[in-house]
Amino acid sequence: MSNIKLPPILRKLSGGVKEVQIEGATVGELLDNLDRKYSGIKNQLLTEDGEIARYVNLYLNDEDVRFLQGLVTPVKESDTIVILPAMSGGAI
C-alpha cells in the first residue's frame, strides 16, 4: 500500500486522519480508493473532467505528478503521495 499525506483542509473529510495507507497501481487509482474510504475527497482534488484541479498539487516522492504521467503515473507500495493545496496571493 502507498502512503497518502492529507493537508489540513481535507482532514475534515477524513475524520482528522493526517496519513492513510491506500492500495492502487496508479495515482488515479489511489485517489479513487481514497474517495471510497473518505467520500468527497476526490471532488476536492479533481475537476469535473477528471483532471487535477489547478489549485491542487500532487507529489509522488517529491515529484509533481503533472511532470510525470499525471493520474496514470504508476505507484509502488513504498511510495508516498503528498496532497498540497496551491498557495497564492499576498503582498510584498
PDB file of N, CA and C in Angstrom:
ATOM      1  N   MET A   1       0.830  -1.183   0.000  1.00  0.00           N
ATOM      2  CA  MET A   1       0.000   0.000   0.000  1.00  0.00           C
ATOM      3  C   MET A   1       0.873   1.245   0.000  1.00  0.00           C
ATOM      4  N   SER A   2       0.410   2.252  -0.690  1.00  0.00           N
ATOM      5  CA  SER A   2       1.109   3.535  -0.715  1.00  0.00           C
ATOM      6  C   SER A   2       0.580   4.416   0.403  1.00  0.00           C
ATOM      7  N   ASN A   3       1.401   5.361   0.819  1.00  0.00           N
ATOM      8  CA  ASN A   3       1.054   6.288   1.882  1.00  0.00           C
ATOM      9  C   ASN A   3       0.587   7.606   1.264  1.00  0.00           C
ATOM     10  N   ILE A   4      -0.548   8.128   1.718  1.00  0.00           N
ATOM     11  CA  ILE A   4      -1.037   9.420   1.252  1.00  0.00           C
ATOM     12  C   ILE A   4      -1.095  10.357   2.443  1.00  0.00           C
ATOM     13  N   LYS A   5      -0.452  11.525   2.293  1.00  0.00           N
ATOM     14  CA  LYS A   5      -0.474  12.550   3.335  1.00  0.00           C
ATOM     15  C   LYS A   5      -1.509  13.597   2.962  1.00  0.00           C
ATOM     16  N   LEU A   6      -2.443  13.842   3.873  1.00  0.00           N
ATOM     17  CA  LEU A   6      -3.546  14.765   3.625  1.00  0.00           C
ATOM     18  C   LEU A   6      -3.283  16.130   4.270  1.00  0.00           C
ATOM     19  N   PRO A   7      -3.590  17.205   3.549  1.00  0.00           N
ATOM     20  CA  PRO A   7      -3.427  18.536   4.132  1.00  0.00           C
ATOM     21  C   PRO A   7      -4.567  18.818   5.120  1.00  0.00           C
ATOM     22  N   PRO A   8      -4.380  19.793   5.995  1.00  0.00           N
ATOM     23  CA  PRO A   8      -5.424  20.109   6.989  1.00  0.00           C
ATOM     24  C   PRO A   8      -6.801  20.358   6.382  1.00  0.00           C
ATOM     25  N   ILE A   9      -6.870  20.965   5.225  1.00  0.00           N
ATOM     26  CA  ILE A   9      -8.161  21.291   4.614  1.00  0.00           C
ATOM     27  C   ILE A   9      -8.977  20.039   4.273  1.00  0.00           C
ATOM     28  N   LEU A  10      -8.309  18.916   4.022  1.00  0.00           N
ATOM     29  CA  LEU A  10      -9.029  17.676   3.685  1.00  0.00           C
ATOM     30  C   LEU A  10      -9.295  16.797   4.900  1.00  0.00           C
ATOM     31  N   ARG A  11      -8.709  17.136   6.008  1.00  0.00           N
ATOM     32  CA  ARG A  11      -8.865  16.293   7.198  1.00  0.00           C
ATOM     33  C   ARG A  11     -10.271  16.318   7.759  1.00  0.00           C
ATOM     34  N   LYS A  12     -11.055  17.327   7.410  1.00  0.00           N
ATOM     35  CA  LYS A  12     -12.450  17.343   7.850  1.00  0.00           C
ATOM     36  C   LYS A  12     -13.228  16.204   7.186  1.00  0.00           C
ATOM     37  N   LEU A  13     -12.788  15.793   5.994  1.00  0.00           N
ATOM     38  CA  LEU A  13     -13.425  14.683   5.292  1.00  0.00           C
ATOM     39  C   LEU A  13     -12.874  13.325   5.721  1.00  0.00           C
ATOM     40  N   SER A  14     -11.671  13.336   6.290  1.00  0.00           N
ATOM     41  CA  SER A  14     -11.033  12.075   6.693  1.00  0.00           C
ATOM     42  C   SER A  14     -11.175  11.814   8.189  1.00  0.00           C
ATOM     43  N   GLY A  15     -11.973  12.611   8.870  1.00  0.00           N
ATOM     44  CA  GLY A  15     -12.135  12.425  10.300  1.00  0.00           C
ATOM     45  C   GLY A  15     -10.891  12.797  11.085  1.00  0.00           C
ATOM     46  N   GLY A  16     -10.085  13.707  10.525  1.00  0.00           N
ATOM     47  CA  GLY A  16      -8.883  14.161  11.204  1.00  0.00           C
ATOM     48  C   GLY A  16      -7.630  13.363  10.891  1.00  0.00           C
ATOM     49  N   VAL A  17      -7.752  12.328  10.072  1.00  0.00           N
ATOM     50  CA  VAL A  17      -6.609  11.491   9.719  1.00  0.00           C
ATOM     51  C   VAL A  17      -5.623  12.300   8.870  1.00  0.00           C
ATOM     52  N   LYS A  18      -4.342  12.264   9.235  1.00  0.00           N
ATOM     53  CA  LYS A  18      -3.300  13.008   8.520  1.00  0.00           C
ATOM     54  C   LYS A  18      -2.648  12.187   7.414  1.00  0.00           C
ATOM     55  N   GLU A  19      -2.532  10.880   7.639  1.00  0.00           N
ATOM     56  CA  GLU A  19      -1.917   9.975   6.669  1.00  0.00           C
ATOM     57  C   GLU A  19      -2.741   8.706   6.601  1.00  0.00           C
ATOM     58  N   VAL A  20      -2.794   8.131   5.402  1.00  0.00           N
ATOM     59  CA  VAL A  20      -3.571   6.909   5.219  1.00  0.00           C
ATOM     60  C   VAL A  20      -2.841   5.999   4.237  1.00  0.00           C
ATOM     61  N   GLN A  21      -2.928   4.708   4.461  1.00  0.00           N
ATOM     62  CA  GLN A  21      -2.378   3.703   3.564  1.00  0.00           C
ATOM     63  C   GLN A  21      -3.484   3.278   2.602  1.00  0.00           C
ATOM     64  N   ILE A  22      -3.207   3.370   1.298  1.00  0.00           N
ATOM     65  CA  ILE A  22      -4.207   3.062   0.275  1.00  0.00           C
ATOM     66  C   ILE A  22      -3.557   2.189  -0.794  1.00  0.00           C
ATOM     67  N   GLU A  23      -4.322   1.265  -1.339  1.00  0.00           N
ATOM     68  CA  GLU A  23      -3.845   0.423  -2.435  1.00  0.00           C
ATOM     69  C   GLU A  23      -4.210   1.041  -3.767  1.00  0.00           C
ATOM     70  N   GLY A  24      -3.380   0.784  -4.758  1.00  0.00           N
ATOM     71  CA  GLY A  24      -3.638   1.234  -6.115  1.00  0.00           C
ATOM     72  C   GLY A  24      -2.372   1.135  -6.937  1.00  0.00           C
ATOM     73  N   ALA A  25      -2.541   0.967  -8.252  1.00  0.00           N
ATOM     74  CA  ALA A  25      -1.395   0.826  -9.147  1.00  0.00           C
ATOM     75  C   ALA A  25      -0.975   2.154  -9.764  1.00  0.00           C
ATOM     76  N   THR A  26      -1.874   3.146  -9.741  1.00  0.00           N
ATOM     77  CA  THR A  26      -1.587   4.467 -10.299  1.00  0.00           C
ATOM     78  C   THR A  26      -2.055   5.537  -9.315  1.00  0.00           C
ATOM     79  N   VAL A  27      -1.636   6.763  -9.559  1.00  0.00           N
ATOM     80  CA  VAL A  27      -2.091   7.874  -8.721  1.00  0.00           C
ATOM     81  C   VAL A  27      -3.613   7.977  -8.778  1.00  0.00           C
ATOM     82  N   GLY A  28      -4.184   7.831  -9.955  1.00  0.00           N
ATOM     83  CA  GLY A  28      -5.640   7.897 -10.108  1.00  0.00           C
ATOM     84  C   GLY A  28      -6.366   6.818  -9.315  1.00  0.00           C
ATOM     85  N   GLU A  29      -5.839   5.594  -9.331  1.00  0.00           N
ATOM     86  CA  GLU A  29      -6.441   4.501  -8.551  1.00  0.00           C
ATOM     87  C   GLU A  29      -6.347   4.784  -7.058  1.00  0.00           C
ATOM     88  N   LEU A  30      -5.224   5.363  -6.631  1.00  0.00           N
ATOM     89  CA  LEU A  30      -5.095   5.721  -5.220  1.00  0.00           C
ATOM     90  C   LEU A  30      -6.173   6.731  -4.831  1.00  0.00           C
ATOM     91  N   LEU A  31      -6.399   7.732  -5.686  1.00  0.00           N
ATOM     92  CA  LEU A  31      -7.421   8.732  -5.382  1.00  0.00           C
ATOM     93  C   LEU A  31      -8.816   8.126  -5.391  1.00  0.00           C
ATOM     94  N   ASP A  32      -9.071   7.207  -6.323  1.00  0.00           N
ATOM     95  CA  ASP A  32     -10.372   6.511  -6.340  1.00  0.00           C
ATOM     96  C   ASP A  32     -10.596   5.757  -5.040  1.00  0.00           C
ATOM     97  N   ASN A  33      -9.576   5.019  -4.604  1.00  0.00           N
ATOM     98  CA  ASN A  33      -9.698   4.235  -3.374  1.00  0.00           C
ATOM     99  C   ASN A  33      -9.735   5.121  -2.133  1.00  0.00           C
ATOM    100  N   LEU A  34      -9.026   6.237  -2.177  1.00  0.00           N
ATOM    101  CA  LEU A  34      -9.095   7.208  -1.077  1.00  0.00           C
ATOM    102  C   LEU A  34     -10.514   7.762  -0.958  1.00  0.00           C
ATOM    103  N   ASP A  35     -11.133   8.046  -2.111  1.00  0.00           N
ATOM    104  CA  ASP A  35     -12.500   8.571  -2.114  1.00  0.00           C
ATOM    105  C   ASP A  35     -13.512   7.530  -1.636  1.00  0.00           C
ATOM    106  N   ARG A  36     -13.245   6.263  -1.904  1.00  0.00           N
ATOM    107  CA  ARG A  36     -14.134   5.212  -1.390  1.00  0.00           C
ATOM    108  C   ARG A  36     -14.065   5.156   0.135  1.00  0.00           C
ATOM    109  N   LYS A  37     -12.888   5.409   0.662  1.00  0.00           N
ATOM    110  CA  LYS A  37     -12.706   5.375   2.115  1.00  0.00           C
ATOM    111  C   LYS A  37     -13.236   6.647   2.772  1.00  0.00           C
ATOM    112  N   TYR A  38     -12.981   7.786   2.127  1.00  0.00           N
ATOM    113  CA  TYR A  38     -13.406   9.091   2.649  1.00  0.00           C
ATOM    114  C   TYR A  38     -14.151   9.825   1.543  1.00  0.00           C
ATOM    115  N   SER A  39     -15.427   9.596   1.473  1.00  0.00           N
ATOM    116  CA  SER A  39     -16.265  10.134   0.408  1.00  0.00           C
ATOM    117  C   SER A  39     -16.165  11.658   0.307  1.00  0.00           C
ATOM    118  N   GLY A  40     -16.002  12.123  -0.915  1.00  0.00           N
ATOM    119  CA  GLY A  40     -15.965  13.549  -1.180  1.00  0.00           C
ATOM    120  C   GLY A  40     -14.586  14.119  -1.380  1.00  0.00           C
ATOM    121  N   ILE A  41     -13.558  13.373  -1.020  1.00  0.00           N
ATOM    122  CA  ILE A  41     -12.191  13.905  -1.160  1.00  0.00           C
ATOM    123  C   ILE A  41     -11.843  14.132  -2.629  1.00  0.00           C
ATOM    124  N   LYS A  42     -12.183  13.203  -3.481  1.00  0.00           N
ATOM    125  CA  LYS A  42     -11.815  13.326  -4.893  1.00  0.00           C
ATOM    126  C   LYS A  42     -12.437  14.571  -5.529  1.00  0.00           C
ATOM    127  N   ASN A  43     -13.637  14.934  -5.097  1.00  0.00           N
ATOM    128  CA  ASN A  43     -14.292  16.137  -5.615  1.00  0.00           C
ATOM    129  C   ASN A  43     -13.505  17.394  -5.280  1.00  0.00           C
ATOM    130  N   GLN A  44     -12.713  17.343  -4.226  1.00  0.00           N
ATOM    131  CA  GLN A  44     -11.895  18.483  -3.826  1.00  0.00           C
ATOM    132  C   GLN A  44     -10.583  18.549  -4.607  1.00  0.00           C
ATOM    133  N   LEU A  45     -10.224  17.470  -5.281  1.00  0.00           N
ATOM    134  CA  LEU A  45      -8.922  17.386  -5.935  1.00  0.00           C
ATOM    135  C   LEU A  45      -8.977  17.444  -7.454  1.00  0.00           C
ATOM    136  N   LEU A  46     -10.087  16.984  -8.031  1.00  0.00           N
ATOM    137  CA  LEU A  46     -10.193  16.888  -9.486  1.00  0.00           C
ATOM    138  C   LEU A  46     -11.291  17.785 -10.033  1.00  0.00           C
ATOM    139  N   THR A  47     -11.146  18.164 -11.302  1.00  0.00           N
ATOM    140  CA  THR A  47     -12.175  18.931 -11.985  1.00  0.00           C
ATOM    141  C   THR A  47     -13.304  17.994 -12.408  1.00  0.00           C
ATOM    142  N   GLU A  48     -14.364  18.568 -12.967  1.00  0.00           N
ATOM    143  CA  GLU A  48     -15.475  17.748 -13.467  1.00  0.00           C
ATOM    144  C   GLU A  48     -15.024  16.841 -14.608  1.00  0.00           C
ATOM    145  N   ASP A  49     -13.964  17.244 -15.311  1.00  0.00           N
ATOM    146  CA  ASP A  49     -13.422  16.448 -16.413  1.00  0.00           C
ATOM    147  C   ASP A  49     -12.485  15.341 -15.937  1.00  0.00           C
ATOM    148  N   GLY A  50     -12.257  15.267 -14.616  1.00  0.00           N
ATOM    149  CA  GLY A  50     -11.387  14.232 -14.074  1.00  0.00           C
ATOM    150  C   GLY A  50      -9.912  14.581 -14.096  1.00  0.00           C
ATOM    151  N   GLU A  51      -9.590  15.847 -14.334  1.00  0.00           N
ATOM    152  CA  GLU A  51      -8.201  16.301 -14.318  1.00  0.00           C
ATOM    153  C   GLU A  51      -7.858  16.864 -12.939  1.00  0.00           C
ATOM    154  N   ILE A  52      -6.572  16.926 -12.622  1.00  0.00           N
ATOM    155  CA  ILE A  52      -6.140  17.510 -11.357  1.00  0.00           C
ATOM    156  C   ILE A  52      -6.493  18.989 -11.377  1.00  0.00           C
ATOM    157  N   ALA A  53      -7.193  19.445 -10.350  1.00  0.00           N
ATOM    158  CA  ALA A  53      -7.578  20.850 -10.269  1.00  0.00           C
ATOM    159  C   ALA A  53      -6.328  21.727 -10.233  1.00  0.00           C
ATOM    160  N   ARG A  54      -6.406  22.915 -10.825  1.00  0.00           N
ATOM    161  CA  ARG A  54      -5.213  23.760 -10.929  1.00  0.00           C
ATOM    162  C   ARG A  54      -4.715  24.256  -9.588  1.00  0.00           C
ATOM    163  N   TYR A  55      -5.572  24.257  -8.579  1.00  0.00           N
ATOM    164  CA  TYR A  55      -5.174  24.718  -7.247  1.00  0.00           C
ATOM    165  C   TYR A  55      -4.707  23.569  -6.347  1.00  0.00           C
ATOM    166  N   VAL A  56      -4.534  22.396  -6.923  1.00  0.00           N
ATOM    167  CA  VAL A  56      -4.096  21.215  -6.169  1.00  0.00           C
ATOM    168  C   VAL A  56      -2.754  20.737  -6.712  1.00  0.00           C
ATOM    169  N   ASN A  57      -1.847  20.440  -5.823  1.00  0.00           N
ATOM    170  CA  ASN A  57      -0.561  19.856  -6.202  1.00  0.00           C
ATOM    171  C   ASN A  57      -0.473  18.454  -5.609  1.00  0.00           C
ATOM    172  N   LEU A  58      -0.148  17.505  -6.462  1.00  0.00           N
ATOM    173  CA  LEU A  58       0.041  16.113  -6.034  1.00  0.00           C
ATOM    174  C   LEU A  58       1.494  15.730  -6.284  1.00  0.00           C
ATOM    175  N   TYR A  59       2.158  15.315  -5.236  1.00  0.00           N
ATOM    176  CA  TYR A  59       3.563  14.938  -5.336  1.00  0.00           C
ATOM    177  C   TYR A  59       3.727  13.454  -5.050  1.00  0.00           C
ATOM    178  N   LEU A  60       4.460  12.787  -5.928  1.00  0.00           N
ATOM    179  CA  LEU A  60       4.831  11.395  -5.742  1.00  0.00           C
ATOM    180  C   LEU A  60       6.307  11.390  -5.391  1.00  0.00           C
ATOM    181  N   ASN A  61       6.615  11.103  -4.133  1.00  0.00           N
ATOM    182  CA  ASN A  61       8.011  11.103  -3.684  1.00  0.00           C
ATOM    183  C   ASN A  61       8.728  12.401  -4.093  1.00  0.00           C
ATOM    184  N   ASP A  62       8.116  13.528  -3.817  1.00  0.00           N
ATOM    185  CA  ASP A  62       8.671  14.867  -4.083  1.00  0.00           C
ATOM    186  C   ASP A  62       8.664  15.278  -5.548  1.00  0.00           C
ATOM    187  N   GLU A  63       8.040  14.510  -6.427  1.00  0.00           N
ATOM    188  CA  GLU A  63       7.935  14.857  -7.848  1.00  0.00           C
ATOM    189  C   GLU A  63       6.484  15.211  -8.156  1.00  0.00           C
ATOM    190  N   ASP A  64       6.265  16.372  -8.756  1.00  0.00           N
ATOM    191  CA  ASP A  64       4.919  16.791  -9.148  1.00  0.00           C
ATOM    192  C   ASP A  64       4.405  15.824 -10.216  1.00  0.00           C
ATOM    193  N   VAL A  65       3.257  15.191  -9.983  1.00  0.00           N
ATOM    194  CA  VAL A  65       2.759  14.193 -10.934  1.00  0.00           C
ATOM    195  C   VAL A  65       2.398  14.809 -12.280  1.00  0.00           C
ATOM    196  N   ARG A  66       2.173  16.131 -12.316  1.00  0.00           N
ATOM    197  CA  ARG A  66       1.899  16.791 -13.605  1.00  0.00           C
ATOM    198  C   ARG A  66       3.106  16.669 -14.543  1.00  0.00           C
ATOM    199  N   PHE A  67       4.302  16.571 -13.970  1.00  0.00           N
ATOM    200  CA  PHE A  67       5.511  16.448 -14.774  1.00  0.00           C
ATOM    201  C   PHE A  67       5.925  14.989 -14.970  1.00  0.00           C
ATOM    202  N   LEU A  68       5.128  14.087 -14.436  1.00  0.00           N
ATOM    203  CA  LEU A  68       5.335  12.655 -14.657  1.00  0.00           C
ATOM    204  C   LEU A  68       4.286  12.218 -15.675  1.00  0.00           C
ATOM    205  N   GLN A  69       3.348  11.383 -15.256  1.00  0.00           N
ATOM    206  CA  GLN A  69       2.302  10.917 -16.165  1.00  0.00           C
ATOM    207  C   GLN A  69       0.912  11.280 -15.647  1.00  0.00           C
ATOM    208  N   GLY A  70       0.835  12.301 -14.810  1.00  0.00           N
ATOM    209  CA  GLY A  70      -0.457  12.723 -14.280  1.00  0.00           C
ATOM    210  C   GLY A  70      -1.093  11.621 -13.454  1.00  0.00           C
ATOM    211  N   LEU A  71      -2.393  11.449 -13.622  1.00  0.00           N
ATOM    212  CA  LEU A  71      -3.136  10.468 -12.829  1.00  0.00           C
ATOM    213  C   LEU A  71      -2.813   9.025 -13.189  1.00  0.00           C
ATOM    214  N   VAL A  72      -2.199   8.812 -14.339  1.00  0.00           N
ATOM    215  CA  VAL A  72      -1.836   7.438 -14.724  1.00  0.00           C
ATOM    216  C   VAL A  72      -0.400   7.096 -14.327  1.00  0.00           C
ATOM    217  N   THR A  73       0.234   7.968 -13.544  1.00  0.00           N
ATOM    218  CA  THR A  73       1.579   7.697 -13.046  1.00  0.00           C
ATOM    219  C   THR A  73       1.561   6.434 -12.186  1.00  0.00           C
ATOM    220  N   PRO A  74       2.383   5.447 -12.498  1.00  0.00           N
ATOM    221  CA  PRO A  74       2.431   4.224 -11.686  1.00  0.00           C
ATOM    222  C   PRO A  74       2.986   4.507 -10.287  1.00  0.00           C
ATOM    223  N   VAL A  75       2.497   3.756  -9.311  1.00  0.00           N
ATOM    224  CA  VAL A  75       2.993   3.869  -7.936  1.00  0.00           C
ATOM    225  C   VAL A  75       3.379   2.494  -7.420  1.00  0.00           C
ATOM    226  N   LYS A  76       4.305   2.511  -6.454  1.00  0.00           N
ATOM    227  CA  LYS A  76       4.732   1.277  -5.790  1.00  0.00           C
ATOM    228  C   LYS A  76       4.274   1.341  -4.335  1.00  0.00           C
ATOM    229  N   GLU A  77       4.316   0.214  -3.674  1.00  0.00           N
ATOM    230  CA  GLU A  77       3.886   0.148  -2.282  1.00  0.00           C
ATOM    231  C   GLU A  77       4.688   1.062  -1.370  1.00  0.00           C
ATOM    232  N   SER A  78       5.924   1.308  -1.705  1.00  0.00           N
ATOM    233  CA  SER A  78       6.780   2.134  -0.848  1.00  0.00           C
ATOM    234  C   SER A  78       6.646   3.633  -1.127  1.00  0.00           C
ATOM    235  N   ASP A  79       5.814   4.001  -2.099  1.00  0.00           N
ATOM    236  CA  ASP A  79       5.684   5.404  -2.491  1.00  0.00           C
ATOM    237  C   ASP A  79       4.823   6.210  -1.522  1.00  0.00           C
ATOM    238  N   THR A  80       5.088   7.516  -1.520  1.00  0.00           N
ATOM    239  CA  THR A  80       4.293   8.446  -0.726  1.00  0.00           C
ATOM    240  C   THR A  80       3.729   9.522  -1.643  1.00  0.00           C
ATOM    241  N   ILE A  81       2.444   9.774  -1.499  1.00  0.00           N
ATOM    242  CA  ILE A  81       1.762  10.849  -2.215  1.00  0.00           C
ATOM    243  C   ILE A  81       1.484  11.946  -1.195  1.00  0.00           C
ATOM    244  N   VAL A  82       1.864  13.167  -1.546  1.00  0.00           N
ATOM    245  CA  VAL A  82       1.564  14.319  -0.705  1.00  0.00           C
ATOM    246  C   VAL A  82       0.600  15.202  -1.485  1.00  0.00           C
ATOM    247  N   ILE A  83      -0.517  15.538  -0.852  1.00  0.00           N
ATOM    248  CA  ILE A  83      -1.513  16.423  -1.450  1.00  0.00           C
ATOM    249  C   ILE A  83      -1.345  17.798  -0.822  1.00  0.00           C
ATOM    250  N   LEU A  84      -1.092  18.800  -1.661  1.00  0.00           N
ATOM    251  CA  LEU A  84      -0.934  20.169  -1.160  1.00  0.00           C
ATOM    252  C   LEU A  84      -1.825  21.115  -1.953  1.00  0.00           C
ATOM    253  N   PRO A  85      -2.599  21.936  -1.247  1.00  0.00           N
ATOM    254  CA  PRO A  85      -3.340  22.972  -1.955  1.00  0.00           C
ATOM    255  C   PRO A  85      -2.356  24.055  -2.400  1.00  0.00           C
ATOM    256  N   ALA A  86      -2.580  24.621  -3.578  1.00  0.00           N
ATOM    257  CA  ALA A  86      -1.704  25.686  -4.077  1.00  0.00           C
ATOM    258  C   ALA A  86      -1.901  26.936  -3.226  1.00  0.00           C
ATOM    259  N   MET A  87      -0.815  27.650  -3.000  1.00  0.00           N
ATOM    260  CA  MET A  87      -0.863  28.887  -2.222  1.00  0.00           C
ATOM    261  C   MET A  87      -0.637  30.053  -3.169  1.00  0.00           C
ATOM    262  N   SER A  88      -1.396  31.129  -2.964  1.00  0.00           N
ATOM    263  CA  SER A  88      -1.187  32.323  -3.778  1.00  0.00           C
ATOM    264  C   SER A  88      -1.690  33.544  -3.023  1.00  0.00           C
ATOM    265  N   GLY A  89      -1.418  34.681  -3.589  1.00  0.00           N
ATOM    266  CA  GLY A  89      -1.908  35.931  -3.005  1.00  0.00           C
ATOM    267  C   GLY A  89      -0.883  36.567  -2.102  1.00  0.00           C
ATOM    268  N   GLY A  90      -1.309  37.635  -1.465  1.00  0.00           N
ATOM    269  CA  GLY A  90      -0.423  38.336  -0.550  1.00  0.00           C
ATOM    270  C   GLY A  90       0.247  39.510  -1.202  1.00  0.00           C
ATOM    271  N   ALA A  91       0.914  40.288  -0.428  1.00  0.00           N
ATOM    272  CA  ALA A  91       1.615  41.469  -0.939  1.00  0.00           C
ATOM    273  C   ALA A  91       3.008  41.505  -0.339  1.00  0.00           C
ATOM    274  N   ILE A  92       3.897  42.126  -1.069  1.00  0.00           N
ATOM    275  CA  ILE A  92       5.279  42.244  -0.601  1.00  0.00           C
ATOM    276  C   ILE A  92       5.500  43.613  -0.025  1.00  0.00           C
TER     277      ILE A  92
END
